Amino acid sequence: MSIDTLNNALGYRARRIIRYISTPSTDPPFEEVTITIKRLSADDVTDIIRQLEALPNVREAAKV
């Protein structure tokens, strides 16, 4: 997932991203993408997870 794809999916909330890390997965051709987002409500986080899981080729999105 590119940062542009992530920005498009998150819309105005993309400005809250403070860290984006993409690493190869143990299950090629997938990647593991970790993002850190600051100051969002629990509802916003739930909505973001739903939006990310709706993207093609996203297997799982979760709050850690």
C-alpha atoms as a PDB file:
ATOM      1  CA  MET A   1       0.000   0.000   0.000  1.00  0.00           C
ATOM      2  CA  SER A   2       1.451   3.316  -1.015  1.00  0.00           C
ATOM      3  CA  ILE A   3       1.229   6.402   1.121  1.00  0.00           C
ATOM      4  CA  ASP A   4      -0.917   7.968  -1.614  1.00  0.00           C
ATOM      5  CA  THR A   5      -3.439   5.130  -1.387  1.00  0.00           C
ATOM      6  CA  LEU A   6      -3.500   5.512   2.367  1.00  0.00           C
ATOM      7  CA  ASN A   7      -3.959   9.281   2.114  1.00  0.00           C
ATOM      8  CA  ASN A   8      -6.859   8.846  -0.307  1.00  0.00           C
ATOM      9  CA  ALA A   9      -8.526   6.260   1.930  1.00  0.00           C
ATOM     10  CA  LEU A  10      -8.214   8.338   5.100  1.00  0.00           C
ATOM     11  CA  GLY A  11      -9.147  11.693   3.594  1.00  0.00           C
ATOM     12  CA  TYR A  12      -8.777  14.609   6.013  1.00  0.00           C
ATOM     13  CA  ARG A  13      -7.625  12.234   8.763  1.00  0.00           C
ATOM     14  CA  ALA A  14      -4.453  11.450   6.799  1.00  0.00           C
ATOM     15  CA  ARG A  15      -2.989  14.657   8.240  1.00  0.00           C
ATOM     16  CA  ARG A  16      -2.919  12.860  11.595  1.00  0.00           C
ATOM     17  CA  ILE A  17      -0.429  10.212  10.382  1.00  0.00           C
ATOM     18  CA  ILE A  18       2.873  10.635  12.169  1.00  0.00           C
ATOM     19  CA  ARG A  19       4.557   7.367  11.112  1.00  0.00           C
ATOM     20  CA  TYR A  20       4.237   5.035   8.088  1.00  0.00           C
ATOM     21  CA  ILE A  21       6.273   1.817   7.936  1.00  0.00           C
ATOM     22  CA  SER A  22       6.006  -0.770   5.166  1.00  0.00           C
ATOM     23  CA  THR A  23       7.894  -4.070   5.478  1.00  0.00           C
ATOM     24  CA  PRO A  24       7.817  -7.328   3.509  1.00  0.00           C
ATOM     25  CA  SER A  25       5.430  -9.892   4.928  1.00  0.00           C
ATOM     26  CA  THR A  26       6.240 -13.512   5.676  1.00  0.00           C
ATOM     27  CA  ASP A  27       3.448 -14.237   3.172  1.00  0.00           C
ATOM     28  CA  PRO A  28       4.575 -12.817  -0.206  1.00  0.00           C
ATOM     29  CA  PRO A  29       3.403 -10.845  -2.128  1.00  0.00           C
ATOM     30  CA  PHE A  30       1.866  -9.037   0.848  1.00  0.00           C
ATOM     31  CA  GLU A  31       3.449  -6.283   2.909  1.00  0.00           C
ATOM     32  CA  GLU A  32       2.874  -5.310   6.497  1.00  0.00           C
ATOM     33  CA  VAL A  33       2.042  -1.645   6.823  1.00  0.00           C
ATOM     34  CA  THR A  34       2.068   0.019  10.213  1.00  0.00           C
ATOM     35  CA  ILE A  35       0.769   3.531  10.666  1.00  0.00           C
ATOM     36  CA  THR A  36       0.742   5.688  13.753  1.00  0.00           C
ATOM     37  CA  ILE A  37      -2.001   8.274  13.945  1.00  0.00           C
ATOM     38  CA  LYS A  38      -2.278  10.920  16.642  1.00  0.00           C
ATOM     39  CA  ARG A  39      -5.342  12.401  18.314  1.00  0.00           C
ATOM     40  CA  LEU A  40      -8.328  10.569  16.877  1.00  0.00           C
ATOM     41  CA  SER A  41     -11.502   9.510  18.596  1.00  0.00           C
ATOM     42  CA  ALA A  42     -12.363   5.843  19.031  1.00  0.00           C
ATOM     43  CA  ASP A  43     -15.098   6.289  16.408  1.00  0.00           C
ATOM     44  CA  ASP A  44     -12.575   7.694  13.916  1.00  0.00           C
ATOM     45  CA  VAL A  45     -10.251   4.744  14.504  1.00  0.00           C
ATOM     46  CA  THR A  46     -13.102   2.279  13.961  1.00  0.00           C
ATOM     47  CA  ASP A  47     -14.085   4.092  10.762  1.00  0.00           C
ATOM     48  CA  ILE A  48     -10.499   4.060   9.480  1.00  0.00           C
ATOM     49  CA  ILE A  49     -10.223   0.314  10.088  1.00  0.00           C
ATOM     50  CA  ARG A  50     -13.450  -0.213   8.125  1.00  0.00           C
ATOM     51  CA  GLN A  51     -12.187   1.968   5.265  1.00  0.00           C
ATOM     52  CA  LEU A  52      -8.854   0.175   5.078  1.00  0.00           C
ATOM     53  CA  GLU A  53     -10.439  -3.274   5.126  1.00  0.00           C
ATOM     54  CA  ALA A  54     -12.652  -2.216   2.202  1.00  0.00           C
ATOM     55  CA  LEU A  55      -9.613  -1.500   0.022  1.00  0.00           C
ATOM     56  CA  PRO A  56      -8.677  -4.106  -2.578  1.00  0.00           C
ATOM     57  CA  ASN A  57      -5.761  -6.306  -1.532  1.00  0.00           C
ATOM     58  CA  VAL A  58      -6.043  -5.389   2.161  1.00  0.00           C
ATOM     59  CA  ARG A  59      -6.301  -8.603   4.112  1.00  0.00           C
ATOM     60  CA  GLU A  60      -6.644  -7.195   7.624  1.00  0.00           C
ATOM     61  CA  ALA A  61      -6.613  -3.886   9.469  1.00  0.00           C
ATOM     62  CA  ALA A  62      -6.472  -3.735  13.238  1.00  0.00           C
ATOM     63  CA  LYS A  63      -5.861  -1.403  16.131  1.00  0.00           C
ATOM     64  CA  VAL A  64      -2.816  -2.349  18.144  1.00  0.00           C
END
